[in-house]
Protein backbone atom coordinates (compact mmCIF):
# COMPACT_ATOMS: atom_id res chain seq x y z
CA MET A 1 0.00 0.00 0.00
CA LYS A 2 1.40 3.37 -1.07
CA ILE A 3 0.45 6.42 0.96
CA ALA A 4 1.24 10.10 0.43
CA ILE A 5 1.32 12.65 3.23
CA ILE A 6 0.96 16.28 2.17
CA GLY A 7 2.18 18.63 4.89
CA LEU A 8 4.91 17.57 7.32
CA GLY A 9 4.26 19.66 10.39
CA ASN A 10 3.84 18.13 13.84
CA VAL A 11 0.76 16.21 12.72
CA GLY A 12 1.88 15.12 9.25
CA SER A 13 5.30 13.91 10.38
CA THR A 14 3.82 11.97 13.31
CA ILE A 15 1.27 10.35 10.99
CA ALA A 16 4.04 9.40 8.55
CA TYR A 17 6.05 7.64 11.23
CA GLN A 18 3.04 5.94 12.80
CA LEU A 19 1.94 4.55 9.42
CA CYS A 20 5.18 2.59 9.33
CA ASN A 21 3.67 0.39 12.05
CA ILE A 22 0.89 -0.81 9.74
CA ASP A 23 2.03 -4.06 8.14
CA LYS A 24 0.68 -3.54 4.63
CA VAL A 25 2.10 -0.03 4.25
CA ASN A 26 5.23 -0.51 2.15
CA GLU A 27 5.72 2.89 0.54
CA LEU A 28 5.42 6.53 1.67
CA VAL A 29 5.57 9.72 -0.37
CA LEU A 30 6.24 12.86 1.68
CA PHE A 31 5.34 16.37 0.55
CA ASP A 32 6.17 19.71 2.12
CA ILE A 33 6.69 23.24 0.83
CA ASP A 34 10.13 23.12 2.47
CA ASP A 35 12.14 20.69 0.35
CA ASN A 36 14.91 20.27 2.92
CA LYS A 37 12.35 19.54 5.63
CA ALA A 38 10.75 16.85 3.48
CA LYS A 39 14.16 15.30 2.85
CA ALA A 40 15.08 15.47 6.54
CA GLN A 41 11.82 13.76 7.55
CA LYS A 42 12.46 11.05 4.95
CA LEU A 43 15.95 10.39 6.30
CA ASP A 44 14.84 10.45 9.94
CA ILE A 45 11.99 7.98 9.34
CA GLU A 46 14.31 5.72 7.35
CA ASP A 47 16.77 5.70 10.26
CA GLY A 48 13.99 4.77 12.66
CA ASN A 49 12.76 2.00 10.38
CA ALA A 50 16.28 0.61 10.01
CA SER A 51 16.52 0.16 13.77
CA LEU A 52 13.39 -1.99 13.60
CA ASN A 53 14.36 -3.83 10.39
CA LYS A 54 11.42 -2.34 8.48
CA GLU A 55 11.62 -2.18 4.69
CA ILE A 56 9.53 0.82 3.61
CA LYS A 57 10.34 2.80 0.49
CA ILE A 58 10.18 6.56 1.07
CA SER A 59 10.35 9.36 -1.50
CA TYR A 60 9.58 13.06 -1.25
CA ASN A 61 8.24 16.03 -3.23
CA ASN A 62 7.73 14.09 -6.47
CA ASP A 63 4.24 14.72 -7.85
CA GLN A 64 4.41 11.82 -10.30
CA GLU A 65 4.58 9.40 -7.36
CA LEU A 66 0.89 10.24 -6.84
CA ASN A 67 -0.05 8.44 -10.07
CA ASP A 68 -0.17 5.05 -8.35
CA THR A 69 -0.66 6.20 -4.75
CA ASP A 70 -3.52 4.48 -2.92
CA ILE A 71 -4.22 7.06 -0.20
CA ILE A 72 -3.45 10.76 0.20
CA ILE A 73 -3.43 12.19 3.71
CA TYR A 74 -3.85 15.95 3.49
CA CYS A 75 -2.59 17.71 6.60
CA VAL A 76 -1.16 21.11 5.75
CA SER A 77 -1.17 23.40 8.75
CA ILE A 78 -0.46 27.01 9.58
CA GLY A 79 1.83 27.61 12.53
CA GLY A 80 1.71 30.81 14.55
CA ILE A 81 -1.83 31.79 13.53
CA PRO A 82 -4.09 33.00 16.36
CA ASN A 83 -6.85 30.65 17.48
CA ASN A 84 -9.23 32.15 14.94
CA ARG A 85 -11.18 29.63 12.88
CA LEU A 86 -12.06 32.07 10.10
CA GLU A 87 -8.51 33.34 9.64
CA GLU A 88 -7.18 29.79 9.68
CA TYR A 89 -9.72 28.87 7.00
CA LYS A 90 -8.78 31.75 4.70
CA ILE A 91 -5.11 30.76 4.67
CA THR A 92 -5.64 26.99 4.49
CA LYS A 93 -8.17 27.52 1.70
CA LYS A 94 -5.55 29.23 -0.48
CA ILE A 95 -3.02 26.47 0.13
CA THR A 96 -5.70 23.89 -0.69
CA GLU A 97 -6.30 25.53 -4.06
CA ASP A 98 -2.62 25.12 -4.92
CA VAL A 99 -2.50 21.52 -3.73
CA ALA A 100 -5.65 20.65 -5.72
CA LYS A 101 -3.92 21.81 -8.91
CA GLN A 102 -0.95 19.65 -7.98
CA ILE A 103 -3.17 16.57 -7.53
CA ASN A 104 -5.20 17.28 -10.67
CA ASN A 105 -2.02 17.17 -12.74
CA THR A 106 -1.52 13.51 -11.81
CA LYS A 107 -3.49 10.30 -12.37
CA PHE A 108 -4.31 9.86 -8.70
CA ASN A 109 -7.59 7.99 -8.18
CA GLY A 110 -7.38 6.73 -4.61
CA ILE A 111 -8.88 7.76 -1.29
CA ILE A 112 -8.19 11.13 0.33
CA ILE A 113 -8.17 11.67 4.08
CA CYS A 114 -8.26 15.34 5.03
CA VAL A 115 -6.90 16.38 8.42
CA SER A 116 -6.30 20.12 7.87
CA ASN A 117 -8.51 22.45 9.90
CA PRO A 118 -11.23 23.53 9.78
CA VAL A 119 -11.44 19.94 8.60
CA ASP A 120 -15.13 19.74 7.64
CA ILE A 121 -14.98 22.78 5.38
CA ILE A 122 -11.54 22.02 3.93
CA THR A 123 -12.64 18.46 3.09
CA ASN A 124 -15.68 19.88 1.31
CA TYR A 125 -13.60 22.48 -0.53
CA LEU A 126 -10.96 20.00 -1.68
CA GLN A 127 -13.73 17.74 -3.01
CA LYS A 128 -15.17 20.63 -5.01
CA LEU A 129 -11.79 21.64 -6.41
CA LEU A 130 -11.01 18.09 -7.51
CA ASN A 131 -14.59 17.29 -8.59
CA TYR A 132 -14.01 14.07 -6.70
CA ASP A 133 -16.31 11.23 -5.67
CA TYR A 134 -17.93 12.43 -2.43
CA HIS A 135 -17.46 9.03 -0.82
CA LYS A 136 -13.75 8.72 -1.64
CA ILE A 137 -12.70 11.89 0.17
CA ILE A 138 -13.29 12.14 3.90
CA GLY A 139 -12.12 14.18 6.86
CA SER A 140 -10.83 12.95 10.20
CA GLY A 141 -13.90 14.71 11.61
CA THR A 142 -14.95 13.91 15.17
CA LEU A 143 -13.06 10.63 15.45
CA LEU A 144 -10.45 12.16 17.76
CA ASP A 145 -13.16 13.97 19.75
CA THR A 146 -14.94 10.66 20.24
CA SER A 147 -11.70 9.05 21.43
CA ARG A 148 -11.14 11.86 23.91
CA LEU A 149 -14.58 11.35 25.43
CA LYS A 150 -14.06 7.59 25.58
CA CYS A 151 -10.76 8.16 27.38
CA TYR A 152 -12.40 10.46 29.90
CA LEU A 153 -15.27 8.03 30.50
CA SER A 154 -12.80 5.17 30.93
CA ASN A 155 -11.08 7.04 33.74
CA LYS A 156 -14.28 8.28 35.34
CA LEU A 157 -16.11 4.96 35.27
CA ASP A 158 -13.03 2.79 35.79
CA THR A 159 -13.65 0.68 32.71
CA LYS A 160 -11.62 -0.38 29.69
CA ILE A 161 -11.73 1.87 26.63
CA LYS A 162 -12.43 -1.12 24.38
CA ASP A 163 -15.68 -1.67 26.30
CA ILE A 164 -16.96 1.83 25.46
CA THR A 165 -18.87 2.59 22.26
CA GLY A 166 -20.53 5.79 21.09
CA TYR A 167 -20.09 8.84 18.89
CA ILE A 168 -19.50 12.56 18.82
CA ILE A 169 -20.93 14.06 15.62
CA GLY A 170 -21.14 17.40 13.82
CA GLU A 171 -18.37 19.95 13.52
CA HIS A 172 -14.84 19.16 14.60
CA GLY A 173 -14.89 22.25 16.74
CA SER A 174 -16.79 24.05 19.48
CA THR A 175 -20.27 23.03 18.27
CA GLN A 176 -19.57 19.27 18.16
CA VAL A 177 -22.38 17.13 19.53
CA PRO A 178 -21.75 14.35 22.07
CA VAL A 179 -24.47 11.80 21.34
CA LEU A 180 -24.64 10.52 24.90
CA SER A 181 -27.64 8.38 23.98
CA SER A 182 -25.35 6.38 21.67
CA PHE A 183 -22.73 5.64 24.33
CA LYS A 184 -22.66 2.22 25.93
CA ILE A 185 -20.40 0.81 28.62
CA ASN A 186 -20.22 -2.97 28.40
CA ASN A 187 -23.48 -2.79 26.42
CA ARG A 188 -25.19 -0.75 29.14
CA SER A 189 -26.49 2.71 28.24
CA LEU A 190 -24.28 5.49 29.58
CA LEU A 191 -27.41 7.46 30.47
CA THR A 192 -28.26 4.83 33.10
CA LEU A 193 -24.79 5.01 34.67
CA ILE A 194 -24.38 8.74 35.23
CA ASN A 195 -26.53 11.38 36.93
CA ASP A 196 -27.95 14.54 35.36
CA GLU A 197 -25.05 16.65 36.55
CA ASP A 198 -22.55 14.31 34.91
CA LYS A 199 -24.56 14.31 31.68
CA ASN A 200 -23.94 18.05 31.46
CA SER A 201 -20.28 17.88 32.41
CA VAL A 202 -18.66 14.82 30.80
CA HIS A 203 -18.25 16.43 27.42
CA LYS A 204 -16.96 19.66 28.92
CA GLU A 205 -14.36 17.69 30.85
CA ALA A 206 -13.24 15.92 27.66
CA LEU A 207 -12.91 19.26 25.86
CA GLU A 208 -10.84 20.69 28.70
CA ARG A 209 -8.57 17.67 28.43
CA ALA A 210 -7.91 18.51 24.77
CA LEU A 211 -7.46 22.21 25.53
CA PHE A 212 -4.86 21.46 28.19
CA VAL A 213 -2.83 19.38 25.76
CA LYS A 214 -2.95 22.03 23.05
CA GLU A 215 -2.15 24.95 25.34
CA THR A 216 0.65 23.13 27.14
CA LYS A 217 2.36 21.47 24.16
CA GLY A 218 1.37 24.12 21.64
CA PHE A 219 -0.14 21.45 19.39
CA THR A 220 -1.65 17.97 19.41
CA ASN A 221 -0.18 15.15 17.33
CA TYR A 222 -0.35 11.65 18.84
CA GLY A 223 -4.12 11.54 19.18
CA ILE A 224 -4.86 12.66 15.63
CA ALA A 225 -2.07 10.49 14.21
CA SER A 226 -3.62 7.44 15.87
CA SER A 227 -7.05 8.40 14.53
CA VAL A 228 -5.70 8.65 10.98
CA SER A 229 -3.81 5.37 11.40
CA LEU A 230 -7.09 3.72 12.41
CA ILE A 231 -8.79 5.04 9.25
CA VAL A 232 -5.91 3.78 7.10
CA ASP A 233 -6.02 0.36 8.79
CA ILE A 234 -9.77 0.13 8.12
CA ILE A 235 -9.20 0.96 4.44
CA ILE A 236 -6.27 -1.40 3.93
CA ASN A 237 -7.83 -4.36 5.72
CA HIS A 238 -11.44 -3.66 4.70
CA LYS A 239 -12.60 -3.66 8.30
CA ASN A 240 -16.25 -2.94 9.08
CA ASN A 241 -15.67 -0.55 12.00
CA ILE A 242 -18.23 2.24 12.23
CA ILE A 243 -16.33 5.45 13.02
CA SER A 244 -17.37 9.08 13.36
CA ILE A 245 -15.53 10.84 10.53
CA SER A 246 -16.34 13.79 8.30
CA THR A 247 -18.44 12.43 5.44
CA TYR A 248 -20.82 13.99 2.92
CA ASP A 249 -24.41 14.92 3.70
CA GLU A 250 -26.14 15.20 0.32
CA LYS A 251 -29.12 17.12 1.73
CA GLU A 252 -26.95 19.84 3.27
CA ASP A 253 -24.21 19.65 0.57
CA LEU A 254 -21.80 19.56 3.47
CA TYR A 255 -19.26 17.43 5.28
CA TYR A 256 -19.38 16.89 9.03
CA GLY A 257 -18.67 14.16 11.56
CA TYR A 258 -21.10 11.25 11.42
CA PRO A 259 -20.87 7.46 11.94
CA SER A 260 -19.65 5.90 8.70
CA ILE A 261 -18.46 2.52 7.43
CA PHE A 262 -15.98 1.57 4.70
CA LYS A 263 -17.67 -0.57 2.05
CA ASP A 264 -17.00 -1.16 -1.65
CA ASN A 265 -13.92 1.06 -1.49
CA LYS A 266 -15.80 4.11 -0.18
CA PHE A 267 -17.20 5.48 3.08
CA ILE A 268 -20.96 5.30 3.59
CA ARG A 269 -22.94 7.00 6.38
CA GLN A 270 -24.81 4.85 8.88
CA GLU A 271 -27.98 6.24 10.39
CA ILE A 272 -28.22 6.43 14.18
CA SER A 273 -31.08 7.42 16.45
CA LEU A 274 -30.84 10.87 18.03
CA LEU A 275 -32.82 12.34 20.88
CA ASP A 276 -34.66 15.58 20.16
CA ASN A 277 -32.08 17.72 21.95
CA GLU A 278 -29.27 15.96 20.05
CA LYS A 279 -31.01 16.68 16.74
CA GLU A 280 -31.31 20.33 17.73
CA LEU A 281 -27.62 20.54 18.63
CA LEU A 282 -26.64 18.87 15.35
CA ASN A 283 -28.66 21.42 13.38
CA LYS A 284 -26.85 24.21 15.22
CA SER A 285 -23.51 22.56 14.47
CA ILE A 286 -24.37 22.28 10.78
CA ALA A 287 -25.39 25.96 10.78
CA SER A 288 -22.02 26.85 12.30
CA ILE A 289 -20.19 25.16 9.42
CA ILE A 290 -22.44 26.77 6.81
CA LYS A 291 -21.73 30.19 8.33
CA VAL A 292 -18.04 29.86 7.46
CA LYS A 293 -18.42 27.99 4.15
CA ASP A 294 -18.16 30.41 1.21
CA PHE A 295 -18.23 28.22 -1.89
């Protein structure tokens, strides 16, 4: 399996190295606007792989390598920009336009995983620029947010993460919707295990966990890299996991986090039941994305 990573910041470089731990990944193509950085990341990853006797071919900044690439992971990022979603979008949007031209000049026909923020809008915009199959381009969406909540619940309820199921949907951002009615602990509804006060606080606690990491480190990388690795593993091994990623809503002409499954080489949404208040929150989240979308 040949995978390209576009953008080698803290996230992209961590994803590149973590992908080396997936057995069927045997070739990486690294892209970055800084040619020396791309070369340095190539050499560093090769050195790490050599220590572990891993044989993975790595090239960098060669557009023609995209012709037979199976998956593109798009994770350009803007360092040093204030925590302003609209400003971040304006700059990432321009970069995305340039990258789309780059991809369009190749014969690439694989799956695209978008990680760049604001991920729901950028995924949508890249799809429009490429005129690509809606189901073959996805965003990492609320997969990481869901993992964060699972991690918090695991600690709070003293249970194993693998025994927790459930989803956060909507925007990967401040209006994301924790579907608490979907969460189960050892097949028992979460709503029967926590009181009303906890129902209002568990998601807030999970968000504060993420905020602490970002403010203290200056960025997050391991969590999102693991989320992307999970998506890649599902694609490569045709697993039937249902995960909350940014997929296309035909009615809204929009991408946002929603439970989806990989089938017939594309991601398909899976309907879930929502309580009335969850439906209301999802509509507000969708409206928040539409407010920024300008194409």
